[in-house]
Structure formats: C-alpha cells, structure tokens
Amino acid sequence: MILVHACCAPCLSGIIDDIDTDFKVYFYNPNIQPLREYTRRLETLIKFSKERNFSLIIDKEYKLQEWLENAVKLNGKADNLRCMYCYADRMDRVARYAKENGYEAFTTSMLYSPFQKHEMIKEIGFRMEKKHGIRFLYRDFRENYPRGDEIAKRYGMYRQGYCGCIFSEFDRYSFMLNRYEG
C-alpha cells in the first residue's frame, strides 16, 4: 500500500491512474492560504475521492501560524528556502505517517506540476526516505500534465492559479500592481 500526499485534486488526478498498486491519499497542506482557499481545495479533493472511490486521509492539523512564521523567516532568501521548507514540512509529515501506519512507500502529487520545483521535491523525498526508513516512490509525473488537466476539466474541478501560499500568490499576480498610477 502506497501513501500519496495530495496538494490538490487536479494534481492528484494526473497521477493516480499511473500508480499500479493499492494506495490511500493523504491531505496535509498548511501552506495553503487563505483558509477559504484551503477549504475550497479540500472540498474539491473530497468530492474527487468520492467520484473515483479512493480512501482519503485528512490531516486536520492546520498549523497556519507556525507555517507562516517559518516561511516569513525564509522568504526572499537564496535558493528558494521558503519553498524548500514548505516541501520538507509536508513530505516529512507524510513520510512519518506512512512509516507509523505500515505503508510500503510514499509519494506526492507535487511531482506532477510543471510549476513546482521538481528536483527540490525529489531531493527532499529521498531525504525523508532516509530519515524515516520508508521508501520514497519517485516518478516524474509531469508528462501527465495535459491528461490531468483534461481530467480536472471533465470533473469540473476547482483549479487554482498558485501553489497555495500567499507569497506564491503575490509573486504570480504582483504585475497587477503596475496597472495603477499615483
């Protein structure tokens, strides 16, 4: 049995058909802000789990303040330390849960998105494999992006425009500030 960390339903939709063993899905994402965005992504994932009939484990610990305090310290630092912290926080949690609950391996839907820092996620996954003594199932799922995008559209999924954190949202949409004079 594989434990698959899901950041959102659209990313998960692009990988689950390629996992050739039994799996359960694990949702833990304190990086997603604001809370309205978090609940919207979670509700979309719950609906998808019912439509596709897979088990979903929802980690209800939403450590927003802790996550923000750590991310603020790292934001703007060299080598994308904020993103490294964010990926490691989530991967640590899923690897620990997988080990403690008898799974064979773990992976993450973050390996699907061409907009994520793929090599960083891969490196952190293997680091968590060593730390927790459980296999990290690595696969470059980015080739599935067009198919997953089509699945997300077919299911009418909410598809977000940023990774989840407010810093990412700002980076993506800050160009809009230049539209205003004065």
N, C-alpha and C. Protein backbone atom coordinates (compact mmCIF):
# COMPACT_ATOMS: atom_id res chain seq x y z
N MET A 1 0.85 -1.18 0.00
CA MET A 1 0.00 0.00 0.00
C MET A 1 0.90 1.24 0.00
N ILE A 2 0.57 2.19 -0.88
CA ILE A 2 1.32 3.43 -1.03
C ILE A 2 0.50 4.57 -0.43
N LEU A 3 1.17 5.50 0.25
CA LEU A 3 0.53 6.70 0.76
C LEU A 3 0.91 7.84 -0.18
N VAL A 4 -0.11 8.46 -0.77
CA VAL A 4 0.11 9.53 -1.74
C VAL A 4 -0.29 10.86 -1.12
N HIS A 5 0.67 11.73 -0.93
CA HIS A 5 0.36 13.08 -0.46
C HIS A 5 -0.30 13.83 -1.61
N ALA A 6 -1.41 14.50 -1.33
CA ALA A 6 -2.09 15.30 -2.35
C ALA A 6 -2.07 16.76 -1.95
N CYS A 7 -1.59 17.59 -2.86
CA CYS A 7 -1.65 19.03 -2.64
C CYS A 7 -3.00 19.58 -3.09
N CYS A 8 -3.61 18.91 -4.08
CA CYS A 8 -4.92 19.32 -4.58
C CYS A 8 -5.44 18.23 -5.51
N ALA A 9 -6.72 18.28 -5.81
CA ALA A 9 -7.33 17.27 -6.68
C ALA A 9 -6.81 17.32 -8.12
N PRO A 10 -6.65 18.50 -8.74
CA PRO A 10 -6.16 18.50 -10.12
C PRO A 10 -4.79 17.82 -10.26
N CYS A 11 -3.87 18.08 -9.33
CA CYS A 11 -2.56 17.42 -9.41
C CYS A 11 -2.68 15.92 -9.17
N LEU A 12 -3.52 15.53 -8.22
CA LEU A 12 -3.72 14.11 -7.95
C LEU A 12 -4.33 13.41 -9.15
N SER A 13 -5.24 14.07 -9.84
CA SER A 13 -5.91 13.44 -10.98
C SER A 13 -4.93 13.02 -12.06
N GLY A 14 -3.80 13.70 -12.13
CA GLY A 14 -2.81 13.38 -13.15
C GLY A 14 -1.87 12.25 -12.80
N ILE A 15 -1.97 11.71 -11.59
CA ILE A 15 -1.03 10.65 -11.22
C ILE A 15 -1.69 9.34 -10.77
N ILE A 16 -2.92 9.37 -10.27
CA ILE A 16 -3.45 8.16 -9.63
C ILE A 16 -3.65 7.00 -10.60
N ASP A 17 -3.90 7.29 -11.86
CA ASP A 17 -4.06 6.19 -12.81
C ASP A 17 -2.74 5.50 -13.12
N ASP A 18 -1.62 6.14 -12.76
CA ASP A 18 -0.31 5.55 -13.01
C ASP A 18 0.30 4.87 -11.79
N ILE A 19 -0.42 4.87 -10.70
CA ILE A 19 0.07 4.15 -9.51
C ILE A 19 -0.51 2.75 -9.59
N ASP A 20 0.37 1.78 -9.80
CA ASP A 20 -0.08 0.43 -10.13
C ASP A 20 -0.17 -0.49 -8.91
N THR A 21 -0.47 0.08 -7.78
CA THR A 21 -0.69 -0.69 -6.57
C THR A 21 -1.75 0.01 -5.73
N ASP A 22 -2.19 -0.63 -4.66
CA ASP A 22 -3.17 -0.01 -3.78
C ASP A 22 -2.58 1.24 -3.15
N PHE A 23 -3.41 2.24 -2.96
CA PHE A 23 -2.94 3.48 -2.36
C PHE A 23 -4.05 4.13 -1.56
N LYS A 24 -3.63 4.99 -0.66
CA LYS A 24 -4.52 5.91 0.04
C LYS A 24 -3.93 7.30 -0.15
N VAL A 25 -4.79 8.29 -0.06
CA VAL A 25 -4.38 9.67 -0.29
C VAL A 25 -4.38 10.41 1.05
N TYR A 26 -3.37 11.24 1.23
CA TYR A 26 -3.16 11.98 2.48
C TYR A 26 -3.11 13.47 2.17
N PHE A 27 -3.96 14.23 2.84
CA PHE A 27 -4.02 15.68 2.64
C PHE A 27 -3.49 16.38 3.87
N TYR A 28 -2.36 17.06 3.70
CA TYR A 28 -1.76 17.90 4.74
C TYR A 28 -1.08 19.06 4.02
N ASN A 29 -1.62 20.27 4.18
CA ASN A 29 -1.12 21.42 3.43
C ASN A 29 -1.33 22.74 4.17
N PRO A 30 -0.56 22.98 5.24
CA PRO A 30 -0.71 24.24 5.97
C PRO A 30 -0.20 25.44 5.18
N ASN A 31 0.42 25.18 4.05
CA ASN A 31 0.92 26.25 3.18
C ASN A 31 -0.21 26.95 2.43
N ILE A 32 -1.37 26.34 2.34
CA ILE A 32 -2.44 26.90 1.52
C ILE A 32 -3.19 27.97 2.31
N GLN A 33 -3.16 29.17 1.77
CA GLN A 33 -3.83 30.32 2.38
C GLN A 33 -4.53 31.12 1.29
N PRO A 34 -5.54 31.84 1.66
CA PRO A 34 -6.18 31.92 2.97
C PRO A 34 -7.01 30.66 3.24
N LEU A 35 -7.63 30.62 4.39
CA LEU A 35 -8.40 29.44 4.79
C LEU A 35 -9.50 29.12 3.77
N ARG A 36 -10.08 30.12 3.17
CA ARG A 36 -11.10 29.90 2.13
C ARG A 36 -10.52 29.10 0.96
N GLU A 37 -9.27 29.40 0.58
CA GLU A 37 -8.60 28.65 -0.48
C GLU A 37 -8.34 27.22 -0.04
N TYR A 38 -7.89 27.06 1.19
CA TYR A 38 -7.62 25.74 1.75
C TYR A 38 -8.88 24.87 1.71
N THR A 39 -9.98 25.41 2.20
CA THR A 39 -11.21 24.62 2.24
C THR A 39 -11.74 24.33 0.84
N ARG A 40 -11.57 25.26 -0.07
CA ARG A 40 -12.03 25.02 -1.44
C ARG A 40 -11.25 23.88 -2.08
N ARG A 41 -9.95 23.85 -1.88
CA ARG A 41 -9.14 22.76 -2.43
C ARG A 41 -9.47 21.44 -1.76
N LEU A 42 -9.66 21.48 -0.44
CA LEU A 42 -10.00 20.25 0.28
C LEU A 42 -11.37 19.73 -0.15
N GLU A 43 -12.35 20.59 -0.28
CA GLU A 43 -13.69 20.15 -0.73
C GLU A 43 -13.63 19.54 -2.12
N THR A 44 -12.82 20.11 -3.00
CA THR A 44 -12.66 19.55 -4.35
C THR A 44 -12.04 18.16 -4.27
N LEU A 45 -11.06 17.99 -3.40
CA LEU A 45 -10.41 16.69 -3.23
C LEU A 45 -11.37 15.66 -2.64
N ILE A 46 -12.17 16.06 -1.66
CA ILE A 46 -13.16 15.14 -1.07
C ILE A 46 -14.15 14.69 -2.14
N LYS A 47 -14.65 15.62 -2.92
CA LYS A 47 -15.59 15.27 -3.99
C LYS A 47 -14.95 14.30 -4.99
N PHE A 48 -13.70 14.56 -5.37
CA PHE A 48 -12.99 13.68 -6.31
C PHE A 48 -12.79 12.29 -5.71
N SER A 49 -12.49 12.23 -4.41
CA SER A 49 -12.28 10.92 -3.78
C SER A 49 -13.56 10.09 -3.81
N LYS A 50 -14.70 10.74 -3.67
CA LYS A 50 -15.97 10.03 -3.73
C LYS A 50 -16.29 9.59 -5.16
N GLU A 51 -16.00 10.45 -6.12
CA GLU A 51 -16.27 10.12 -7.52
C GLU A 51 -15.37 9.00 -8.03
N ARG A 52 -14.12 8.98 -7.58
CA ARG A 52 -13.16 7.97 -8.03
C ARG A 52 -12.99 6.83 -7.04
N ASN A 53 -13.68 6.91 -5.90
CA ASN A 53 -13.70 5.83 -4.92
C ASN A 53 -12.30 5.45 -4.40
N PHE A 54 -11.59 6.43 -3.87
CA PHE A 54 -10.33 6.14 -3.20
C PHE A 54 -10.39 6.68 -1.77
N SER A 55 -9.59 6.07 -0.90
CA SER A 55 -9.56 6.47 0.51
C SER A 55 -8.77 7.76 0.67
N LEU A 56 -9.34 8.66 1.46
CA LEU A 56 -8.72 9.95 1.70
C LEU A 56 -8.54 10.15 3.21
N ILE A 57 -7.32 10.43 3.60
CA ILE A 57 -6.99 10.72 4.99
C ILE A 57 -6.76 12.23 5.07
N ILE A 58 -7.51 12.90 5.90
CA ILE A 58 -7.38 14.35 6.04
C ILE A 58 -6.70 14.65 7.36
N ASP A 59 -5.50 15.18 7.28
CA ASP A 59 -4.78 15.61 8.47
C ASP A 59 -5.35 16.97 8.84
N LYS A 60 -6.08 17.02 9.91
CA LYS A 60 -6.82 18.23 10.27
C LYS A 60 -5.97 19.27 10.98
N GLU A 61 -4.70 18.97 11.18
CA GLU A 61 -3.84 19.95 11.82
C GLU A 61 -3.41 20.99 10.79
N TYR A 62 -3.91 22.18 10.95
CA TYR A 62 -3.64 23.28 10.02
C TYR A 62 -2.83 24.32 10.78
N LYS A 63 -1.51 24.14 10.79
CA LYS A 63 -0.61 24.97 11.57
C LYS A 63 -0.27 26.25 10.82
N LEU A 64 -1.25 27.06 10.57
CA LEU A 64 -1.07 28.27 9.78
C LEU A 64 -0.04 29.21 10.40
N GLN A 65 -0.18 29.53 11.66
CA GLN A 65 0.72 30.50 12.28
C GLN A 65 2.16 29.99 12.27
N GLU A 66 2.36 28.73 12.65
CA GLU A 66 3.71 28.15 12.64
C GLU A 66 4.28 28.16 11.23
N TRP A 67 3.48 27.76 10.26
CA TRP A 67 3.95 27.72 8.88
C TRP A 67 4.34 29.13 8.41
N LEU A 68 3.49 30.10 8.68
CA LEU A 68 3.77 31.48 8.26
C LEU A 68 5.02 32.04 8.93
N GLU A 69 5.17 31.80 10.23
CA GLU A 69 6.35 32.30 10.93
C GLU A 69 7.63 31.75 10.30
N ASN A 70 7.64 30.46 10.01
CA ASN A 70 8.82 29.85 9.38
C ASN A 70 9.02 30.36 7.96
N ALA A 71 7.95 30.48 7.21
CA ALA A 71 8.06 30.94 5.82
C ALA A 71 8.52 32.40 5.74
N VAL A 72 8.04 33.23 6.64
CA VAL A 72 8.44 34.64 6.64
C VAL A 72 9.95 34.77 6.88
N LYS A 73 10.48 33.96 7.80
CA LYS A 73 11.91 33.99 8.08
C LYS A 73 12.74 33.64 6.84
N LEU A 74 12.18 32.80 5.98
CA LEU A 74 12.93 32.29 4.83
C LEU A 74 12.61 32.99 3.52
N ASN A 75 11.52 33.74 3.48
CA ASN A 75 11.09 34.37 2.24
C ASN A 75 12.15 35.35 1.74
N GLY A 76 12.45 35.26 0.46
CA GLY A 76 13.42 36.15 -0.15
C GLY A 76 14.86 35.72 0.03
N LYS A 77 15.09 34.64 0.75
CA LYS A 77 16.45 34.14 0.95
C LYS A 77 16.89 33.38 -0.30
N ALA A 78 18.18 33.17 -0.40
CA ALA A 78 18.76 32.48 -1.55
C ALA A 78 18.24 31.05 -1.67
N ASP A 79 18.27 30.55 -2.88
CA ASP A 79 17.95 29.15 -3.18
C ASP A 79 16.55 28.71 -2.76
N ASN A 80 15.61 29.62 -2.80
CA ASN A 80 14.22 29.28 -2.55
C ASN A 80 14.02 28.53 -1.23
N LEU A 81 14.58 29.06 -0.18
CA LEU A 81 14.48 28.39 1.12
C LEU A 81 13.04 28.26 1.60
N ARG A 82 12.22 29.24 1.26
CA ARG A 82 10.80 29.17 1.66
C ARG A 82 10.16 27.93 1.03
N CYS A 83 10.38 27.73 -0.24
CA CYS A 83 9.82 26.55 -0.91
C CYS A 83 10.41 25.26 -0.35
N MET A 84 11.69 25.27 -0.08
CA MET A 84 12.33 24.09 0.48
C MET A 84 11.69 23.73 1.83
N TYR A 85 11.48 24.73 2.65
CA TYR A 85 10.81 24.50 3.94
C TYR A 85 9.41 23.92 3.72
N CYS A 86 8.68 24.52 2.81
CA CYS A 86 7.29 24.10 2.55
C CYS A 86 7.23 22.65 2.08
N TYR A 87 8.05 22.29 1.12
CA TYR A 87 8.07 20.91 0.62
C TYR A 87 8.49 19.95 1.74
N ALA A 88 9.53 20.32 2.48
CA ALA A 88 10.04 19.43 3.52
C ALA A 88 9.03 19.24 4.64
N ASP A 89 8.34 20.31 5.02
CA ASP A 89 7.32 20.20 6.06
C ASP A 89 6.26 19.18 5.69
N ARG A 90 5.78 19.26 4.47
CA ARG A 90 4.72 18.34 4.05
C ARG A 90 5.23 16.93 3.82
N MET A 91 6.41 16.81 3.20
CA MET A 91 6.95 15.47 2.93
C MET A 91 7.35 14.77 4.23
N ASP A 92 7.86 15.52 5.20
CA ASP A 92 8.20 14.94 6.49
C ASP A 92 6.96 14.35 7.15
N ARG A 93 5.89 15.10 7.09
CA ARG A 93 4.63 14.67 7.71
C ARG A 93 4.09 13.40 7.05
N VAL A 94 4.09 13.36 5.72
CA VAL A 94 3.54 12.20 5.02
C VAL A 94 4.44 10.97 5.20
N ALA A 95 5.76 11.16 5.17
CA ALA A 95 6.67 10.02 5.35
C ALA A 95 6.53 9.44 6.76
N ARG A 96 6.45 10.32 7.75
CA ARG A 96 6.29 9.86 9.13
C ARG A 96 4.98 9.08 9.30
N TYR A 97 3.89 9.63 8.74
CA TYR A 97 2.59 8.95 8.84
C TYR A 97 2.66 7.59 8.14
N ALA A 98 3.27 7.56 6.97
CA ALA A 98 3.36 6.30 6.21
C ALA A 98 4.14 5.25 7.00
N LYS A 99 5.25 5.65 7.58
CA LYS A 99 6.07 4.71 8.36
C LYS A 99 5.30 4.21 9.59
N GLU A 100 4.68 5.14 10.31
CA GLU A 100 3.96 4.78 11.54
C GLU A 100 2.73 3.92 11.29
N ASN A 101 2.21 3.94 10.07
CA ASN A 101 0.97 3.22 9.78
C ASN A 101 1.15 2.06 8.82
N GLY A 102 2.39 1.61 8.63
CA GLY A 102 2.66 0.37 7.92
C GLY A 102 2.57 0.41 6.40
N TYR A 103 2.72 1.56 5.81
CA TYR A 103 2.72 1.65 4.35
C TYR A 103 4.06 1.17 3.81
N GLU A 104 4.06 0.74 2.54
CA GLU A 104 5.29 0.29 1.89
C GLU A 104 6.13 1.46 1.41
N ALA A 105 5.44 2.55 1.01
CA ALA A 105 6.14 3.68 0.42
C ALA A 105 5.23 4.90 0.46
N PHE A 106 5.80 6.04 0.09
CA PHE A 106 5.04 7.28 -0.01
C PHE A 106 5.49 8.04 -1.26
N THR A 107 4.61 8.91 -1.72
CA THR A 107 4.94 9.79 -2.84
C THR A 107 4.08 11.04 -2.70
N THR A 108 4.17 11.93 -3.68
CA THR A 108 3.41 13.17 -3.62
C THR A 108 2.93 13.61 -5.00
N SER A 109 1.77 14.20 -5.02
CA SER A 109 1.23 14.74 -6.27
C SER A 109 1.99 15.99 -6.71
N MET A 110 2.82 16.55 -5.84
CA MET A 110 3.61 17.72 -6.24
C MET A 110 4.57 17.38 -7.38
N LEU A 111 4.87 16.10 -7.58
CA LEU A 111 5.75 15.68 -8.67
C LEU A 111 5.07 15.79 -10.03
N TYR A 112 3.81 16.13 -10.04
CA TYR A 112 3.01 16.24 -11.27
C TYR A 112 3.12 17.63 -11.92
N SER A 113 3.20 18.65 -11.13
CA SER A 113 3.09 20.01 -11.65
C SER A 113 4.38 20.52 -12.29
N PRO A 114 4.29 21.02 -13.52
CA PRO A 114 5.47 21.63 -14.14
C PRO A 114 5.79 22.98 -13.52
N PHE A 115 4.95 23.47 -12.62
CA PHE A 115 5.15 24.77 -11.98
C PHE A 115 5.86 24.65 -10.63
N GLN A 116 6.05 23.42 -10.14
CA GLN A 116 6.74 23.21 -8.87
C GLN A 116 8.23 23.00 -9.13
N LYS A 117 9.00 23.07 -8.08
CA LYS A 117 10.46 22.87 -8.15
C LYS A 117 10.73 21.37 -8.02
N HIS A 118 10.64 20.70 -9.15
CA HIS A 118 10.65 19.24 -9.21
C HIS A 118 11.90 18.63 -8.57
N GLU A 119 13.06 19.10 -8.94
CA GLU A 119 14.30 18.49 -8.41
C GLU A 119 14.39 18.67 -6.90
N MET A 120 13.90 19.79 -6.40
CA MET A 120 13.91 20.02 -4.96
C MET A 120 12.97 19.03 -4.26
N ILE A 121 11.80 18.81 -4.82
CA ILE A 121 10.83 17.86 -4.25
C ILE A 121 11.43 16.46 -4.24
N LYS A 122 12.05 16.10 -5.35
CA LYS A 122 12.68 14.78 -5.47
C LYS A 122 13.77 14.60 -4.41
N GLU A 123 14.63 15.58 -4.27
CA GLU A 123 15.72 15.52 -3.29
C GLU A 123 15.16 15.40 -1.86
N ILE A 124 14.15 16.18 -1.56
CA ILE A 124 13.55 16.13 -0.22
C ILE A 124 12.88 14.79 0.02
N GLY A 125 12.23 14.25 -0.99
CA GLY A 125 11.60 12.93 -0.85
C GLY A 125 12.60 11.86 -0.47
N PHE A 126 13.75 11.86 -1.14
CA PHE A 126 14.78 10.87 -0.82
C PHE A 126 15.41 11.14 0.55
N ARG A 127 15.49 12.39 0.95
CA ARG A 127 15.99 12.72 2.28
C ARG A 127 15.02 12.18 3.35
N MET A 128 13.71 12.30 3.09
CA MET A 128 12.71 11.80 4.04
C MET A 128 12.70 10.27 4.06
N GLU A 129 13.01 9.66 2.93
CA GLU A 129 13.13 8.21 2.88
C GLU A 129 14.19 7.74 3.88
N LYS A 130 15.34 8.40 3.87
CA LYS A 130 16.42 8.04 4.80
C LYS A 130 16.05 8.37 6.24
N LYS A 131 15.47 9.53 6.44
CA LYS A 131 15.13 9.98 7.79
C LYS A 131 14.13 9.05 8.47
N HIS A 132 13.12 8.61 7.72
CA HIS A 132 12.03 7.83 8.32
C HIS A 132 12.11 6.34 8.04
N GLY A 133 13.03 5.92 7.17
CA GLY A 133 13.18 4.49 6.89
C GLY A 133 12.01 3.91 6.12
N ILE A 134 11.49 4.68 5.18
CA ILE A 134 10.40 4.21 4.33
C ILE A 134 10.67 4.67 2.90
N ARG A 135 10.40 3.81 1.96
CA ARG A 135 10.73 4.09 0.56
C ARG A 135 9.94 5.27 0.00
N PHE A 136 10.66 6.14 -0.70
CA PHE A 136 10.05 7.24 -1.43
C PHE A 136 9.84 6.76 -2.86
N LEU A 137 8.61 6.71 -3.30
CA LEU A 137 8.28 6.28 -4.65
C LEU A 137 8.41 7.49 -5.57
N TYR A 138 9.55 7.56 -6.26
CA TYR A 138 9.79 8.69 -7.14
C TYR A 138 9.34 8.37 -8.56
N ARG A 139 8.66 9.33 -9.13
CA ARG A 139 8.33 9.26 -10.56
C ARG A 139 8.09 10.68 -11.05
N ASP A 140 8.61 10.96 -12.22
CA ASP A 140 8.37 12.28 -12.83
C ASP A 140 7.03 12.21 -13.54
N PHE A 141 6.01 12.75 -12.89
CA PHE A 141 4.65 12.70 -13.42
C PHE A 141 4.32 13.90 -14.32
N ARG A 142 5.28 14.78 -14.57
CA ARG A 142 4.99 15.99 -15.34
C ARG A 142 4.50 15.69 -16.76
N GLU A 143 4.89 14.55 -17.29
CA GLU A 143 4.42 14.18 -18.63
C GLU A 143 2.90 13.99 -18.66
N ASN A 144 2.31 13.78 -17.51
CA ASN A 144 0.86 13.57 -17.41
C ASN A 144 0.07 14.86 -17.32
N TYR A 145 0.75 16.00 -17.35
CA TYR A 145 0.06 17.27 -17.11
C TYR A 145 -1.12 17.50 -18.07
N PRO A 146 -0.95 17.29 -19.38
CA PRO A 146 -2.11 17.50 -20.26
C PRO A 146 -3.29 16.58 -19.94
N ARG A 147 -2.99 15.32 -19.63
CA ARG A 147 -4.06 14.37 -19.30
C ARG A 147 -4.74 14.76 -17.99
N GLY A 148 -3.96 15.12 -16.98
CA GLY A 148 -4.54 15.53 -15.70
C GLY A 148 -5.36 16.80 -15.83
N ASP A 149 -4.90 17.71 -16.67
CA ASP A 149 -5.65 18.95 -16.91
C ASP A 149 -7.01 18.62 -17.53
N GLU A 150 -7.02 17.68 -18.45
CA GLU A 150 -8.28 17.27 -19.09
C GLU A 150 -9.22 16.59 -18.08
N ILE A 151 -8.66 15.75 -17.23
CA ILE A 151 -9.47 15.09 -16.19
C ILE A 151 -10.07 16.14 -15.26
N ALA A 152 -9.26 17.10 -14.85
CA ALA A 152 -9.75 18.16 -13.96
C ALA A 152 -10.89 18.93 -14.61
N LYS A 153 -10.78 19.21 -15.89
CA LYS A 153 -11.85 19.92 -16.60
C LYS A 153 -13.10 19.04 -16.69
N ARG A 154 -12.91 17.77 -17.01
CA ARG A 154 -14.04 16.84 -17.15
C ARG A 154 -14.83 16.72 -15.85
N TYR A 155 -14.12 16.69 -14.72
CA TYR A 155 -14.77 16.58 -13.42
C TYR A 155 -15.24 17.93 -12.89
N GLY A 156 -14.95 19.00 -13.60
CA GLY A 156 -15.35 20.33 -13.15
C GLY A 156 -14.67 20.76 -11.87
N MET A 157 -13.40 20.36 -11.73
CA MET A 157 -12.66 20.67 -10.50
C MET A 157 -12.30 22.14 -10.42
N TYR A 158 -12.26 22.62 -9.19
CA TYR A 158 -11.69 23.94 -8.95
C TYR A 158 -10.19 23.83 -9.22
N ARG A 159 -9.70 24.69 -10.11
CA ARG A 159 -8.28 24.69 -10.46
C ARG A 159 -7.69 26.04 -10.07
N GLN A 160 -6.79 26.00 -9.12
CA GLN A 160 -6.21 27.19 -8.55
C GLN A 160 -5.11 27.77 -9.44
N GLY A 161 -4.80 29.04 -9.22
CA GLY A 161 -3.80 29.72 -10.03
C GLY A 161 -2.46 29.91 -9.36
N TYR A 162 -2.26 29.32 -8.18
CA TYR A 162 -0.98 29.45 -7.48
C TYR A 162 -0.80 28.25 -6.57
N CYS A 163 0.43 28.03 -6.09
CA CYS A 163 0.73 26.81 -5.34
C CYS A 163 -0.02 26.73 -4.02
N GLY A 164 -0.33 27.87 -3.45
CA GLY A 164 -1.09 27.84 -2.21
C GLY A 164 -0.69 28.89 -1.22
N CYS A 165 0.59 29.23 -1.14
CA CYS A 165 1.00 30.19 -0.12
C CYS A 165 0.80 31.62 -0.63
N ILE A 166 0.63 32.51 0.32
CA ILE A 166 0.36 33.91 -0.05
C ILE A 166 1.55 34.54 -0.76
N PHE A 167 2.75 34.05 -0.49
CA PHE A 167 3.92 34.57 -1.19
C PHE A 167 3.88 34.19 -2.66
N SER A 168 3.49 32.96 -2.93
CA SER A 168 3.36 32.50 -4.31
C SER A 168 2.27 33.27 -5.05
N GLU A 169 1.16 33.49 -4.36
CA GLU A 169 0.08 34.26 -4.99
C GLU A 169 0.57 35.66 -5.32
N PHE A 170 1.30 36.27 -4.41
CA PHE A 170 1.84 37.60 -4.67
C PHE A 170 2.79 37.59 -5.85
N ASP A 171 3.70 36.61 -5.87
CA ASP A 171 4.66 36.51 -6.99
C ASP A 171 3.93 36.38 -8.32
N ARG A 172 2.89 35.60 -8.33
CA ARG A 172 2.17 35.36 -9.59
C ARG A 172 1.36 36.57 -10.06
N TYR A 173 0.77 37.30 -9.12
CA TYR A 173 -0.15 38.37 -9.50
C TYR A 173 0.36 39.79 -9.23
N SER A 174 1.59 39.94 -8.76
CA SER A 174 2.09 41.27 -8.40
C SER A 174 2.19 42.21 -9.60
N PHE A 175 2.25 41.66 -10.81
CA PHE A 175 2.28 42.51 -12.00
C PHE A 175 1.06 43.43 -12.05
N MET A 176 -0.01 43.02 -11.42
CA MET A 176 -1.24 43.79 -11.45
C MET A 176 -1.08 45.15 -10.74
N LEU A 177 -0.14 45.22 -9.81
CA LEU A 177 0.10 46.47 -9.09
C LEU A 177 0.58 47.58 -10.02
N ASN A 178 1.22 47.18 -11.10
CA ASN A 178 1.76 48.17 -12.05
C ASN A 178 0.67 48.85 -12.87
N ARG A 179 -0.53 48.36 -12.78
CA ARG A 179 -1.64 48.95 -13.55
C ARG A 179 -2.14 50.26 -12.96
N TYR A 180 -1.78 50.50 -11.73
CA TYR A 180 -2.33 51.66 -11.03
C TYR A 180 -1.33 52.81 -11.00
N GLU A 181 -1.83 53.99 -11.18
CA GLU A 181 -0.99 55.18 -11.12
C GLU A 181 -1.21 55.88 -9.80
N GLY A 182 -0.25 56.69 -9.41
CA GLY A 182 -0.45 57.53 -8.24
C GLY A 182 0.19 57.10 -7.05
